C-alpha atoms as a PDB file:
ATOM      1  CA  UNK A   1      26.938  85.748  15.392  1.00  0.00           C
ATOM      2  CA  UNK A   2      29.212  88.654  16.032  1.00  0.00           C
ATOM      3  CA  UNK A   3      31.842  88.503  13.340  1.00  0.00           C
ATOM      4  CA  UNK A   4      35.198  89.450  15.169  1.00  0.00           C
ATOM      5  CA  UNK A   5      34.043  86.159  18.057  1.00  0.00           C
ATOM      6  CA  UNK A   6      34.691  83.576  14.742  1.00  0.00           C
ATOM      7  CA  UNK A   7      31.735  81.282  14.053  1.00  0.00           C
ATOM      8  CA  UNK A   8      32.679  77.901  15.529  1.00  0.00           C
ATOM      9  CA  UNK A   9      28.961  77.084  15.176  1.00  0.00           C
ATOM     10  CA  UNK A  10      28.920  76.771  11.960  1.00  0.00           C
ATOM     11  CA  UNK A  11      29.709  73.435  11.206  1.00  0.00           C
ATOM     12  CA  UNK A  12      32.181  70.324  11.765  1.00  0.00           C
ATOM     13  CA  UNK A  13      35.745  71.500  12.323  1.00  0.00           C
ATOM     14  CA  UNK A  14      38.352  70.098   9.503  1.00  0.00           C
ATOM     15  CA  UNK A  15      41.087  68.612   9.040  1.00  0.00           C
ATOM     16  CA  UNK A  16      44.193  70.101   8.514  1.00  0.00           C
ATOM     17  CA  UNK A  17      45.518  67.232   6.733  1.00  0.00           C
ATOM     18  CA  UNK A  18      48.640  65.078   6.716  1.00  0.00           C
ATOM     19  CA  UNK A  19      52.290  65.924   6.614  1.00  0.00           C
ATOM     20  CA  UNK A  20      54.177  66.703   3.045  1.00  0.00           C
ATOM     21  CA  UNK A  21      56.305  66.047   0.829  1.00  0.00           C
ATOM     22  CA  UNK A  22      58.740  69.080   0.930  1.00  0.00           C
ATOM     23  CA  UNK A  23      59.417  70.975  -1.947  1.00  0.00           C
ATOM     24  CA  UNK A  24      56.633  70.487  -3.371  1.00  0.00           C
ATOM     25  CA  UNK A  25      55.423  72.473  -6.277  1.00  0.00           C
ATOM     26  CA  UNK A  26      52.015  74.265  -6.448  1.00  0.00           C
ATOM     27  CA  UNK A  27      49.296  72.607  -8.215  1.00  0.00           C
ATOM     28  CA  UNK A  28      48.284  73.606 -12.021  1.00  0.00           C
ATOM     29  CA  UNK A  29      45.178  76.263 -12.449  1.00  0.00           C
ATOM     30  CA  UNK A  30      44.268  75.188 -15.884  1.00  0.00           C
ATOM     31  CA  UNK A  31      43.187  77.901 -17.401  1.00  0.00           C
ATOM     32  CA  UNK A  32      43.833  80.695 -15.079  1.00  0.00           C
ATOM     33  CA  UNK A  33      42.981  83.685 -17.494  1.00  0.00           C
ATOM     34  CA  UNK A  34      39.082  81.863 -17.266  1.00  0.00           C
ATOM     35  CA  UNK A  35      39.557  81.468 -13.141  1.00  0.00           C
ATOM     36  CA  UNK A  36      40.595  85.301 -12.845  1.00  0.00           C
ATOM     37  CA  UNK A  37      37.524  86.483 -14.807  1.00  0.00           C
ATOM     38  CA  UNK A  38      34.980  84.561 -12.333  1.00  0.00           C
ATOM     39  CA  UNK A  39      36.260  85.358  -9.416  1.00  0.00           C
ATOM     40  CA  UNK A  40      34.428  87.597  -6.491  1.00  0.00           C
ATOM     41  CA  UNK A  41      35.152  87.262  -3.778  1.00  0.00           C
ATOM     42  CA  UNK A  42      38.794  87.727  -2.232  1.00  0.00           C
ATOM     43  CA  UNK A  43      39.837  86.507   1.675  1.00  0.00           C
ATOM     44  CA  UNK A  44      43.221  86.189   2.979  1.00  0.00           C
ATOM     45  CA  UNK A  45      44.168  84.964   5.951  1.00  0.00           C
ATOM     46  CA  UNK A  46      46.334  87.368   8.571  1.00  0.00           C
ATOM     47  CA  UNK A  47      49.886  86.268  10.372  1.00  0.00           C
ATOM     48  CA  UNK A  48      52.055  85.267   7.669  1.00  0.00           C
ATOM     49  CA  UNK A  49      49.978  86.792   5.330  1.00  0.00           C
ATOM     50  CA  UNK A  50      49.122  90.327   5.907  1.00  0.00           C
ATOM     51  CA  UNK A  51      52.387  90.223   8.445  1.00  0.00           C
ATOM     52  CA  UNK A  52      55.340  89.049   8.539  1.00  0.00           C
ATOM     53  CA  UNK A  53      54.620  86.460  11.383  1.00  0.00           C
ATOM     54  CA  UNK A  54      56.766  87.998  13.761  1.00  0.00           C
ATOM     55  CA  UNK A  55      54.979  88.684  16.999  1.00  0.00           C
ATOM     56  CA  UNK A  56      56.125  91.989  18.665  1.00  0.00           C
ATOM     57  CA  UNK A  57      54.965  93.022  22.009  1.00  0.00           C
ATOM     58  CA  UNK A  58      56.805  96.446  24.024  1.00  0.00           C
ATOM     59  CA  UNK A  59      56.986  96.705  27.523  1.00  0.00           C
ATOM     60  CA  UNK A  60      54.087  97.341  28.586  1.00  0.00           C
ATOM     61  CA  UNK A  61      52.709  94.561  27.171  1.00  0.00           C
ATOM     62  CA  UNK A  62      51.251  95.999  24.124  1.00  0.00           C
ATOM     63  CA  UNK A  63      51.457  94.030  20.538  1.00  0.00           C
ATOM     64  CA  UNK A  64      52.577  95.606  17.337  1.00  0.00           C
ATOM     65  CA  UNK A  65      51.903  93.773  13.752  1.00  0.00           C
ATOM     66  CA  UNK A  66      53.769  95.342  10.467  1.00  0.00           C
ATOM     67  CA  UNK A  67      51.372  95.594   7.352  1.00  0.00           C
ATOM     68  CA  UNK A  68      52.802  95.955   3.815  1.00  0.00           C
ATOM     69  CA  UNK A  69      50.863  99.166   2.469  1.00  0.00           C
ATOM     70  CA  UNK A  70      50.958  98.090  -0.754  1.00  0.00           C
ATOM     71  CA  UNK A  71      48.619  95.080   0.389  1.00  0.00           C
ATOM     72  CA  UNK A  72      46.100  97.618   1.770  1.00  0.00           C
ATOM     73  CA  UNK A  73      46.274  99.453  -1.785  1.00  0.00           C
ATOM     74  CA  UNK A  74      46.001  96.060  -4.238  1.00  0.00           C
ATOM     75  CA  UNK A  75      42.311  95.306  -1.673  1.00  0.00           C
ATOM     76  CA  UNK A  76      41.145  99.098  -1.981  1.00  0.00           C
ATOM     77  CA  UNK A  77      41.598  98.421  -5.673  1.00  0.00           C
ATOM     78  CA  UNK A  78      39.386  94.477  -5.557  1.00  0.00           C
ATOM     79  CA  UNK A  79      37.330  96.432  -3.962  1.00  0.00           C
ATOM     80  CA  UNK A  80      36.770  99.088  -7.131  1.00  0.00           C
ATOM     81  CA  UNK A  81      36.134  95.814  -9.179  1.00  0.00           C
ATOM     82  CA  UNK A  82      33.284  94.935  -7.315  1.00  0.00           C
ATOM     83  CA  UNK A  83      35.218  92.164  -5.029  1.00  0.00           C
ATOM     84  CA  UNK A  84      33.705  91.201  -1.906  1.00  0.00           C
ATOM     85  CA  UNK A  85      36.558  90.945   0.823  1.00  0.00           C
ATOM     86  CA  UNK A  86      37.123  89.262   3.581  1.00  0.00           C
ATOM     87  CA  UNK A  87      39.982  88.493   6.699  1.00  0.00           C
ATOM     88  CA  UNK A  88      39.468  84.915   8.137  1.00  0.00           C
ATOM     89  CA  UNK A  89      42.115  84.474  10.938  1.00  0.00           C
ATOM     90  CA  UNK A  90      42.566  82.351  14.026  1.00  0.00           C
ATOM     91  CA  UNK A  91      43.562  85.737  15.704  1.00  0.00           C
ATOM     92  CA  UNK A  92      41.554  88.061  17.808  1.00  0.00           C
ATOM     93  CA  UNK A  93      43.484  91.537  17.708  1.00  0.00           C
ATOM     94  CA  UNK A  94      42.273  94.910  17.646  1.00  0.00           C
ATOM     95  CA  UNK A  95      44.671  95.253  15.307  1.00  0.00           C
ATOM     96  CA  UNK A  96      43.142  93.270  12.629  1.00  0.00           C
ATOM     97  CA  UNK A  97      39.211  94.728  13.042  1.00  0.00           C
ATOM     98  CA  UNK A  98      41.413  98.806  12.741  1.00  0.00           C
ATOM     99  CA  UNK A  99      42.924  97.041   9.943  1.00  0.00           C
ATOM    100  CA  UNK A 100      40.226  96.072   8.358  1.00  0.00           C
ATOM    101  CA  UNK A 101      38.169  98.920   9.360  1.00  0.00           C
ATOM    102  CA  UNK A 102      40.318 101.320   7.389  1.00  0.00           C
ATOM    103  CA  UNK A 103      41.174  99.626   4.198  1.00  0.00           C
ATOM    104  CA  UNK A 104      36.836  99.080   4.322  1.00  0.00           C
ATOM    105  CA  UNK A 105      36.556  95.509   4.150  1.00  0.00           C
ATOM    106  CA  UNK A 106      32.779  94.313   4.915  1.00  0.00           C
ATOM    107  CA  UNK A 107      33.710  90.726   6.222  1.00  0.00           C
ATOM    108  CA  UNK A 108      36.332  90.153   8.760  1.00  0.00           C
ATOM    109  CA  UNK A 109      35.909  87.322  10.995  1.00  0.00           C
ATOM    110  CA  UNK A 110      38.505  86.224  13.639  1.00  0.00           C
ATOM    111  CA  UNK A 111      38.973  83.412  16.775  1.00  0.00           C
ATOM    112  CA  UNK A 112      38.209  81.509  12.975  1.00  0.00           C
ATOM    113  CA  UNK A 113      38.397  78.107  14.247  1.00  0.00           C
ATOM    114  CA  UNK A 114      36.894  76.377  10.895  1.00  0.00           C
ATOM    115  CA  UNK A 115      37.863  78.182   7.704  1.00  0.00           C
ATOM    116  CA  UNK A 116      35.629  76.404   5.730  1.00  0.00           C
ATOM    117  CA  UNK A 117      32.745  77.217   7.451  1.00  0.00           C
ATOM    118  CA  UNK A 118      33.158  80.975   6.815  1.00  0.00           C
ATOM    119  CA  UNK A 119      33.450  80.012   3.516  1.00  0.00           C
ATOM    120  CA  UNK A 120      30.654  78.806   3.420  1.00  0.00           C
ATOM    121  CA  UNK A 121      29.187  81.172   5.092  1.00  0.00           C
ATOM    122  CA  UNK A 122      29.875  83.258   3.147  1.00  0.00           C
ATOM    123  CA  UNK A 123      29.203  81.504   0.427  1.00  0.00           C
ATOM    124  CA  UNK A 124      25.444  81.181   0.762  1.00  0.00           C
ATOM    125  CA  UNK A 125      25.108  85.380   2.025  1.00  0.00           C
ATOM    126  CA  UNK A 126      26.463  86.386  -1.021  1.00  0.00           C
ATOM    127  CA  UNK A 127      25.639  83.868  -3.877  1.00  0.00           C
ATOM    128  CA  UNK A 128      29.341  83.037  -4.349  1.00  0.00           C
ATOM    129  CA  UNK A 129      30.331  79.110  -4.549  1.00  0.00           C
ATOM    130  CA  UNK A 130      33.385  78.593  -4.175  1.00  0.00           C
ATOM    131  CA  UNK A 131      34.518  77.801  -8.024  1.00  0.00           C
ATOM    132  CA  UNK A 132      34.420  81.911  -7.624  1.00  0.00           C
ATOM    133  CA  UNK A 133      36.979  83.150  -4.454  1.00  0.00           C
ATOM    134  CA  UNK A 134      40.511  83.491  -3.850  1.00  0.00           C
ATOM    135  CA  UNK A 135      41.917  83.039  -1.039  1.00  0.00           C
ATOM    136  CA  UNK A 136      46.035  83.395  -0.042  1.00  0.00           C
ATOM    137  CA  UNK A 137      46.908  81.534   3.223  1.00  0.00           C
ATOM    138  CA  UNK A 138      50.024  80.532   4.720  1.00  0.00           C
ATOM    139  CA  UNK A 139      50.223  77.841   7.988  1.00  0.00           C
ATOM    140  CA  UNK A 140      48.614  73.927   8.301  1.00  0.00           C
ATOM    141  CA  UNK A 141      45.057  75.981   9.331  1.00  0.00           C
ATOM    142  CA  UNK A 142      44.597  77.568   5.710  1.00  0.00           C
ATOM    143  CA  UNK A 143      45.180  74.124   4.368  1.00  0.00           C
ATOM    144  CA  UNK A 144      41.236  73.306   3.744  1.00  0.00           C
ATOM    145  CA  UNK A 145      39.963  76.417   3.327  1.00  0.00           C
ATOM    146  CA  UNK A 146      42.329  76.258   0.452  1.00  0.00           C
ATOM    147  CA  UNK A 147      41.552  73.602  -1.449  1.00  0.00           C
ATOM    148  CA  UNK A 148      37.831  74.450  -1.915  1.00  0.00           C
ATOM    149  CA  UNK A 149      38.433  78.213  -3.575  1.00  0.00           C
ATOM    150  CA  UNK A 150      39.262  78.646  -7.382  1.00  0.00           C
ATOM    151  CA  UNK A 151      42.363  80.171  -6.992  1.00  0.00           C
ATOM    152  CA  UNK A 152      44.927  79.339  -3.523  1.00  0.00           C
ATOM    153  CA  UNK A 153      47.977  80.997  -2.797  1.00  0.00           C
ATOM    154  CA  UNK A 154      50.837  81.533  -0.471  1.00  0.00           C
ATOM    155  CA  UNK A 155      53.440  83.489   0.255  1.00  0.00           C
ATOM    156  CA  UNK A 156      56.819  82.273  -1.021  1.00  0.00           C
ATOM    157  CA  UNK A 157      57.795  81.639   3.048  1.00  0.00           C
ATOM    158  CA  UNK A 158      54.625  79.461   3.431  1.00  0.00           C
ATOM    159  CA  UNK A 159      54.488  75.900   4.629  1.00  0.00           C
ATOM    160  CA  UNK A 160      55.522  72.772   2.651  1.00  0.00           C
ATOM    161  CA  UNK A 161      51.907  71.401   3.694  1.00  0.00           C
ATOM    162  CA  UNK A 162      50.211  74.418   2.286  1.00  0.00           C
ATOM    163  CA  UNK A 163      52.741  74.807  -0.637  1.00  0.00           C
ATOM    164  CA  UNK A 164      51.842  71.517  -1.852  1.00  0.00           C
ATOM    165  CA  UNK A 165      47.341  72.633  -2.349  1.00  0.00           C
ATOM    166  CA  UNK A 166      47.881  76.008  -3.735  1.00  0.00           C
ATOM    167  CA  UNK A 167      47.969  76.541  -7.277  1.00  0.00           C
ATOM    168  CA  UNK A 168      50.908  79.675  -6.710  1.00  0.00           C
ATOM    169  CA  UNK A 169      53.057  80.615  -4.734  1.00  0.00           C
ATOM    170  CA  UNK A 170      54.505  84.013  -4.614  1.00  0.00           C
ATOM    171  CA  UNK A 171      58.131  85.202  -5.315  1.00  0.00           C
ATOM    172  CA  UNK A 172      57.336  87.462  -2.180  1.00  0.00           C
ATOM    173  CA  UNK A 173      57.082  86.865   1.917  1.00  0.00           C
ATOM    174  CA  UNK A 174      53.982  87.752   3.978  1.00  0.00           C
ATOM    175  CA  UNK A 175      53.997  90.989   5.115  1.00  0.00           C
ATOM    176  CA  UNK A 176      56.835  91.778   2.222  1.00  0.00           C
ATOM    177  CA  UNK A 177      53.747  91.953  -0.933  1.00  0.00           C
ATOM    178  CA  UNK A 178      52.943  88.850  -1.530  1.00  0.00           C
ATOM    179  CA  UNK A 179      49.227  89.045  -1.402  1.00  0.00           C
ATOM    180  CA  UNK A 180      49.911  92.452  -3.458  1.00  0.00           C
ATOM    181  CA  UNK A 181      51.185  90.586  -5.386  1.00  0.00           C
ATOM    182  CA  UNK A 182      48.824  88.016  -6.018  1.00  0.00           C
ATOM    183  CA  UNK A 183      46.097  90.779  -6.375  1.00  0.00           C
ATOM    184  CA  UNK A 184      47.905  92.197  -9.192  1.00  0.00           C
ATOM    185  CA  UNK A 185      48.087  88.496 -11.452  1.00  0.00           C
ATOM    186  CA  UNK A 186      44.113  88.528 -10.921  1.00  0.00           C
ATOM    187  CA  UNK A 187      43.516  91.942 -11.913  1.00  0.00           C
ATOM    188  CA  UNK A 188      46.002  91.636 -14.825  1.00  0.00           C
ATOM    189  CA  UNK A 189      42.870  89.731 -16.645  1.00  0.00           C
ATOM    190  CA  UNK A 190      40.189  91.236 -14.417  1.00  0.00           C
ATOM    191  CA  UNK A 191      40.832  94.626 -15.798  1.00  0.00           C
ATOM    192  CA  UNK A 192      41.249  93.247 -19.602  1.00  0.00           C
ATOM    193  CA  UNK A 193      37.038  91.844 -19.510  1.00  0.00           C
END
């Protein structure tokens, strides 16, 4: 199985969910310190999370994405604490592969239509239950994955369907340090263990 081609064959696709009310608050996380202490895997979407969701094209058709350097440092800090890190995205670009390689992210899945199947695959591969996973996403294709993990977060500019299912909505937008904001929250507890 090639990670860069996605893993649509691992299981049946999940439904993205139905429209939700505007401005619903995030769901409460009972005992966040306990949850943070047990986390072992951190997964993130790309467009709208690690990037600002913009699609930039040059005259010759080349594509550009803007990543926030502090998000990258946050991922390195997680790895130093023994976290498995993963990128799970529907896009399929050399840019994402390059960013994942630069950050030493061992699990990069592109062309991912069923993100729950990928989390299930990672759970089986590393022996990590969903309750010990964190995921950050911003759009309807992230909803089912956000529902099953122990800690779910989203950038400030996420869609409303995501806002209702996450435990935490960042103060920062995607591509502006939202990933680092979530990581800092997790590490503030993990490092004190």
